Amino acid sequence: MYFYILIAGFGGGVVRGLVGFIKHQYSYKNVGFNLPYFFGMAFLSGIIGLLCAMAVKEAGLTLEGVFNPALGFIAGYAGGDFIENIYKIIIKKSSLYSEK
């Protein structure tokens, strides 16, 4: 079951990354797509989705009485956004990679 939750967390991270890229592309011109950054954030989102789902399961909480991968997807989406924004606040940079 945890494997499906991990995959769902990665899916949440990928969706969050694509939404962020599309939003950024409409806001600015000449926006490049940084593939390593995208996959790195998707990976972190998957791990966060899995850890949050495990914590919820161990706490005995469920979503409408069912423990399913949707929780991992939601946590992966939100977790990737949370990590990226914390980074931006602490480091005061808009990206993990330097601008060229």
N, C-alpha and C. Protein backbone atom coordinates (compact mmCIF):
# COMPACT_ATOMS: atom_id res chain seq x y z
N MET A 1 0.83 -1.20 0.00
CA MET A 1 0.00 0.00 0.00
C MET A 1 0.87 1.26 0.00
N TYR A 2 2.00 1.21 0.72
CA TYR A 2 2.85 2.39 0.78
C TYR A 2 3.46 2.73 -0.58
N PHE A 3 3.68 1.71 -1.41
CA PHE A 3 4.22 1.97 -2.75
C PHE A 3 3.25 2.84 -3.56
N TYR A 4 1.97 2.53 -3.48
CA TYR A 4 0.97 3.32 -4.21
C TYR A 4 0.89 4.74 -3.66
N ILE A 5 1.06 4.87 -2.37
CA ILE A 5 1.04 6.21 -1.76
C ILE A 5 2.27 7.00 -2.20
N LEU A 6 3.42 6.33 -2.28
CA LEU A 6 4.64 6.99 -2.75
C LEU A 6 4.46 7.48 -4.19
N ILE A 7 3.92 6.63 -5.04
CA ILE A 7 3.67 7.02 -6.44
C ILE A 7 2.67 8.17 -6.50
N ALA A 8 1.64 8.13 -5.68
CA ALA A 8 0.66 9.22 -5.65
C ALA A 8 1.31 10.52 -5.17
N GLY A 9 2.22 10.44 -4.20
CA GLY A 9 2.95 11.62 -3.75
C GLY A 9 3.80 12.22 -4.86
N PHE A 10 4.48 11.35 -5.62
CA PHE A 10 5.24 11.83 -6.78
C PHE A 10 4.30 12.49 -7.79
N GLY A 11 3.14 11.89 -8.00
CA GLY A 11 2.16 12.47 -8.91
C GLY A 11 1.72 13.85 -8.46
N GLY A 12 1.50 14.01 -7.16
CA GLY A 12 1.15 15.33 -6.62
C GLY A 12 2.25 16.34 -6.86
N GLY A 13 3.50 15.91 -6.69
CA GLY A 13 4.63 16.81 -6.93
C GLY A 13 4.75 17.20 -8.40
N VAL A 14 4.51 16.25 -9.29
CA VAL A 14 4.58 16.52 -10.73
C VAL A 14 3.48 17.50 -11.12
N VAL A 15 2.27 17.29 -10.63
CA VAL A 15 1.17 18.20 -10.94
C VAL A 15 1.47 19.59 -10.40
N ARG A 16 1.99 19.68 -9.17
CA ARG A 16 2.33 20.97 -8.59
C ARG A 16 3.42 21.66 -9.41
N GLY A 17 4.41 20.90 -9.85
CA GLY A 17 5.48 21.47 -10.66
C GLY A 17 4.98 22.00 -12.00
N LEU A 18 4.10 21.24 -12.64
CA LEU A 18 3.56 21.68 -13.93
C LEU A 18 2.67 22.91 -13.78
N VAL A 19 1.87 22.94 -12.73
CA VAL A 19 1.02 24.11 -12.47
C VAL A 19 1.90 25.34 -12.21
N GLY A 20 2.95 25.17 -11.42
CA GLY A 20 3.86 26.28 -11.15
C GLY A 20 4.57 26.77 -12.40
N PHE A 21 5.00 25.84 -13.24
CA PHE A 21 5.68 26.22 -14.49
C PHE A 21 4.73 26.98 -15.41
N ILE A 22 3.52 26.48 -15.57
CA ILE A 22 2.55 27.15 -16.44
C ILE A 22 2.22 28.54 -15.90
N LYS A 23 2.04 28.64 -14.59
CA LYS A 23 1.75 29.94 -13.98
C LYS A 23 2.91 30.91 -14.20
N HIS A 24 4.13 30.43 -14.01
CA HIS A 24 5.32 31.27 -14.19
C HIS A 24 5.48 31.65 -15.66
N GLN A 25 5.17 30.74 -16.55
CA GLN A 25 5.30 31.01 -17.98
C GLN A 25 4.33 32.10 -18.43
N TYR A 26 3.13 32.13 -17.88
CA TYR A 26 2.17 33.17 -18.23
C TYR A 26 2.51 34.51 -17.59
N SER A 27 3.28 34.49 -16.50
CA SER A 27 3.63 35.73 -15.81
C SER A 27 4.85 36.41 -16.43
N TYR A 28 5.77 35.63 -16.97
CA TYR A 28 7.04 36.16 -17.48
C TYR A 28 7.28 35.63 -18.89
N LYS A 29 8.16 36.31 -19.62
CA LYS A 29 8.54 35.84 -20.95
C LYS A 29 9.88 35.12 -20.85
N ASN A 30 10.16 34.30 -21.84
CA ASN A 30 11.42 33.57 -21.94
C ASN A 30 11.70 32.72 -20.70
N VAL A 31 10.75 31.95 -20.29
CA VAL A 31 10.90 31.08 -19.13
C VAL A 31 11.42 29.73 -19.59
N GLY A 32 12.55 29.33 -19.02
CA GLY A 32 13.12 28.02 -19.34
C GLY A 32 12.59 26.96 -18.40
N PHE A 33 12.65 25.71 -18.84
CA PHE A 33 12.20 24.59 -18.01
C PHE A 33 13.44 23.88 -17.49
N ASN A 34 13.65 23.91 -16.17
CA ASN A 34 14.81 23.30 -15.55
C ASN A 34 14.44 21.89 -15.11
N LEU A 35 14.81 20.91 -15.92
CA LEU A 35 14.41 19.52 -15.69
C LEU A 35 14.95 18.94 -14.38
N PRO A 36 16.24 19.15 -14.03
CA PRO A 36 16.72 18.61 -12.74
C PRO A 36 15.97 19.19 -11.54
N TYR A 37 15.67 20.48 -11.59
CA TYR A 37 14.92 21.12 -10.51
C TYR A 37 13.52 20.52 -10.41
N PHE A 38 12.88 20.32 -11.56
CA PHE A 38 11.53 19.75 -11.61
C PHE A 38 11.52 18.36 -10.99
N PHE A 39 12.45 17.50 -11.42
CA PHE A 39 12.49 16.14 -10.88
C PHE A 39 12.89 16.11 -9.41
N GLY A 40 13.77 17.02 -9.01
CA GLY A 40 14.15 17.10 -7.59
C GLY A 40 12.98 17.45 -6.70
N MET A 41 12.19 18.42 -7.13
CA MET A 41 11.02 18.80 -6.34
C MET A 41 9.95 17.72 -6.37
N ALA A 42 9.80 17.03 -7.50
CA ALA A 42 8.83 15.92 -7.57
C ALA A 42 9.26 14.80 -6.63
N PHE A 43 10.57 14.53 -6.56
CA PHE A 43 11.08 13.50 -5.66
C PHE A 43 10.81 13.87 -4.21
N LEU A 44 11.13 15.11 -3.84
CA LEU A 44 10.86 15.57 -2.47
C LEU A 44 9.38 15.52 -2.15
N SER A 45 8.55 15.87 -3.10
CA SER A 45 7.10 15.82 -2.88
C SER A 45 6.63 14.40 -2.64
N GLY A 46 7.19 13.45 -3.37
CA GLY A 46 6.83 12.05 -3.17
C GLY A 46 7.20 11.56 -1.79
N ILE A 47 8.39 11.92 -1.34
CA ILE A 47 8.83 11.53 0.00
C ILE A 47 7.95 12.17 1.06
N ILE A 48 7.64 13.45 0.90
CA ILE A 48 6.76 14.13 1.85
C ILE A 48 5.38 13.50 1.86
N GLY A 49 4.85 13.20 0.68
CA GLY A 49 3.54 12.55 0.61
C GLY A 49 3.53 11.22 1.35
N LEU A 50 4.59 10.43 1.17
CA LEU A 50 4.69 9.14 1.85
C LEU A 50 4.80 9.32 3.36
N LEU A 51 5.67 10.23 3.81
CA LEU A 51 5.85 10.44 5.25
C LEU A 51 4.58 10.96 5.91
N CYS A 52 3.90 11.88 5.25
CA CYS A 52 2.64 12.40 5.82
C CYS A 52 1.58 11.31 5.89
N ALA A 53 1.49 10.51 4.84
CA ALA A 53 0.50 9.43 4.83
C ALA A 53 0.81 8.40 5.92
N MET A 54 2.10 8.09 6.10
CA MET A 54 2.49 7.15 7.16
C MET A 54 2.14 7.71 8.53
N ALA A 55 2.41 9.00 8.73
CA ALA A 55 2.11 9.62 10.02
C ALA A 55 0.62 9.61 10.29
N VAL A 56 -0.18 9.89 9.28
CA VAL A 56 -1.63 9.88 9.45
C VAL A 56 -2.13 8.47 9.76
N LYS A 57 -1.59 7.48 9.06
CA LYS A 57 -2.02 6.10 9.30
C LYS A 57 -1.63 5.65 10.70
N GLU A 58 -0.42 5.95 11.12
CA GLU A 58 0.04 5.54 12.45
C GLU A 58 -0.72 6.26 13.55
N ALA A 59 -1.22 7.46 13.26
CA ALA A 59 -2.01 8.20 14.24
C ALA A 59 -3.44 7.67 14.30
N GLY A 60 -3.80 6.80 13.37
CA GLY A 60 -5.14 6.21 13.37
C GLY A 60 -6.19 7.05 12.67
N LEU A 61 -5.76 8.07 11.93
CA LEU A 61 -6.69 8.93 11.21
C LEU A 61 -6.88 8.38 9.79
N THR A 62 -8.07 8.52 9.26
CA THR A 62 -8.33 8.12 7.88
C THR A 62 -9.18 9.17 7.20
N LEU A 63 -9.22 9.10 5.89
CA LEU A 63 -10.04 10.01 5.10
C LEU A 63 -11.34 9.29 4.78
N GLU A 64 -12.41 9.67 5.44
CA GLU A 64 -13.73 9.04 5.29
C GLU A 64 -13.67 7.54 5.56
N GLY A 65 -12.87 7.16 6.54
CA GLY A 65 -12.79 5.76 6.92
C GLY A 65 -11.92 4.90 6.04
N VAL A 66 -11.31 5.48 5.02
CA VAL A 66 -10.49 4.72 4.08
C VAL A 66 -9.10 5.35 4.02
N PHE A 67 -8.09 4.49 4.05
CA PHE A 67 -6.71 4.95 3.90
C PHE A 67 -6.30 4.65 2.46
N ASN A 68 -6.10 5.68 1.64
CA ASN A 68 -5.82 5.45 0.23
C ASN A 68 -4.75 6.40 -0.31
N PRO A 69 -4.27 6.17 -1.53
CA PRO A 69 -3.22 7.00 -2.11
C PRO A 69 -3.60 8.46 -2.34
N ALA A 70 -4.88 8.80 -2.30
CA ALA A 70 -5.27 10.20 -2.48
C ALA A 70 -4.63 11.09 -1.43
N LEU A 71 -4.46 10.56 -0.24
CA LEU A 71 -3.81 11.31 0.82
C LEU A 71 -2.36 11.62 0.45
N GLY A 72 -1.66 10.66 -0.13
CA GLY A 72 -0.29 10.88 -0.58
C GLY A 72 -0.21 11.91 -1.69
N PHE A 73 -1.18 11.88 -2.61
CA PHE A 73 -1.22 12.86 -3.70
C PHE A 73 -1.38 14.27 -3.15
N ILE A 74 -2.32 14.44 -2.25
CA ILE A 74 -2.58 15.76 -1.66
C ILE A 74 -1.37 16.25 -0.87
N ALA A 75 -0.80 15.36 -0.06
CA ALA A 75 0.36 15.75 0.75
C ALA A 75 1.57 16.03 -0.14
N GLY A 76 1.73 15.27 -1.22
CA GLY A 76 2.83 15.53 -2.15
C GLY A 76 2.71 16.87 -2.83
N TYR A 77 1.50 17.22 -3.24
CA TYR A 77 1.26 18.51 -3.88
C TYR A 77 1.56 19.65 -2.90
N ALA A 78 0.98 19.57 -1.73
CA ALA A 78 1.15 20.63 -0.74
C ALA A 78 2.57 20.66 -0.19
N GLY A 79 3.17 19.49 -0.01
CA GLY A 79 4.52 19.43 0.55
C GLY A 79 5.56 20.05 -0.35
N GLY A 80 5.47 19.82 -1.65
CA GLY A 80 6.41 20.43 -2.58
C GLY A 80 6.30 21.93 -2.57
N ASP A 81 5.10 22.44 -2.54
CA ASP A 81 4.87 23.88 -2.49
C ASP A 81 5.42 24.46 -1.19
N PHE A 82 5.20 23.76 -0.08
CA PHE A 82 5.68 24.21 1.22
C PHE A 82 7.21 24.30 1.25
N ILE A 83 7.89 23.26 0.78
CA ILE A 83 9.35 23.25 0.80
C ILE A 83 9.91 24.37 -0.07
N GLU A 84 9.36 24.54 -1.26
CA GLU A 84 9.87 25.57 -2.16
C GLU A 84 9.67 26.97 -1.58
N ASN A 85 8.54 27.23 -0.98
CA ASN A 85 8.29 28.55 -0.41
C ASN A 85 9.11 28.81 0.85
N ILE A 86 9.34 27.79 1.66
CA ILE A 86 10.23 27.96 2.83
C ILE A 86 11.63 28.30 2.35
N TYR A 87 12.09 27.62 1.31
CA TYR A 87 13.41 27.91 0.74
C TYR A 87 13.49 29.37 0.29
N LYS A 88 12.46 29.82 -0.42
CA LYS A 88 12.45 31.20 -0.92
C LYS A 88 12.48 32.21 0.22
N ILE A 89 11.79 31.91 1.31
CA ILE A 89 11.75 32.83 2.45
C ILE A 89 13.09 32.87 3.17
N ILE A 90 13.67 31.71 3.44
CA ILE A 90 14.91 31.64 4.22
C ILE A 90 16.10 32.15 3.41
N ILE A 91 16.27 31.68 2.20
CA ILE A 91 17.43 32.02 1.39
C ILE A 91 17.24 33.33 0.62
N LYS A 92 16.01 33.75 0.47
CA LYS A 92 15.67 34.97 -0.27
C LYS A 92 16.11 34.88 -1.73
N LYS A 93 15.93 33.68 -2.30
CA LYS A 93 16.17 33.45 -3.73
C LYS A 93 14.91 32.81 -4.29
N SER A 94 14.65 33.04 -5.57
CA SER A 94 13.43 32.49 -6.16
C SER A 94 13.60 31.07 -6.69
N SER A 95 14.84 30.55 -6.67
CA SER A 95 15.07 29.21 -7.22
C SER A 95 16.25 28.57 -6.52
N LEU A 96 16.32 27.25 -6.58
CA LEU A 96 17.47 26.53 -6.04
C LEU A 96 18.69 26.73 -6.91
N TYR A 97 18.50 27.07 -8.17
CA TYR A 97 19.58 27.23 -9.12
C TYR A 97 19.82 28.70 -9.39
N SER A 98 21.08 29.05 -9.66
CA SER A 98 21.41 30.45 -9.92
C SER A 98 20.90 30.86 -11.29
N GLU A 99 20.54 32.12 -11.40
CA GLU A 99 20.07 32.67 -12.67
C GLU A 99 21.27 32.90 -13.57
N LYS A 100 21.13 32.58 -14.85
CA LYS A 100 22.25 32.76 -15.80
C LYS A 100 22.12 34.05 -16.54
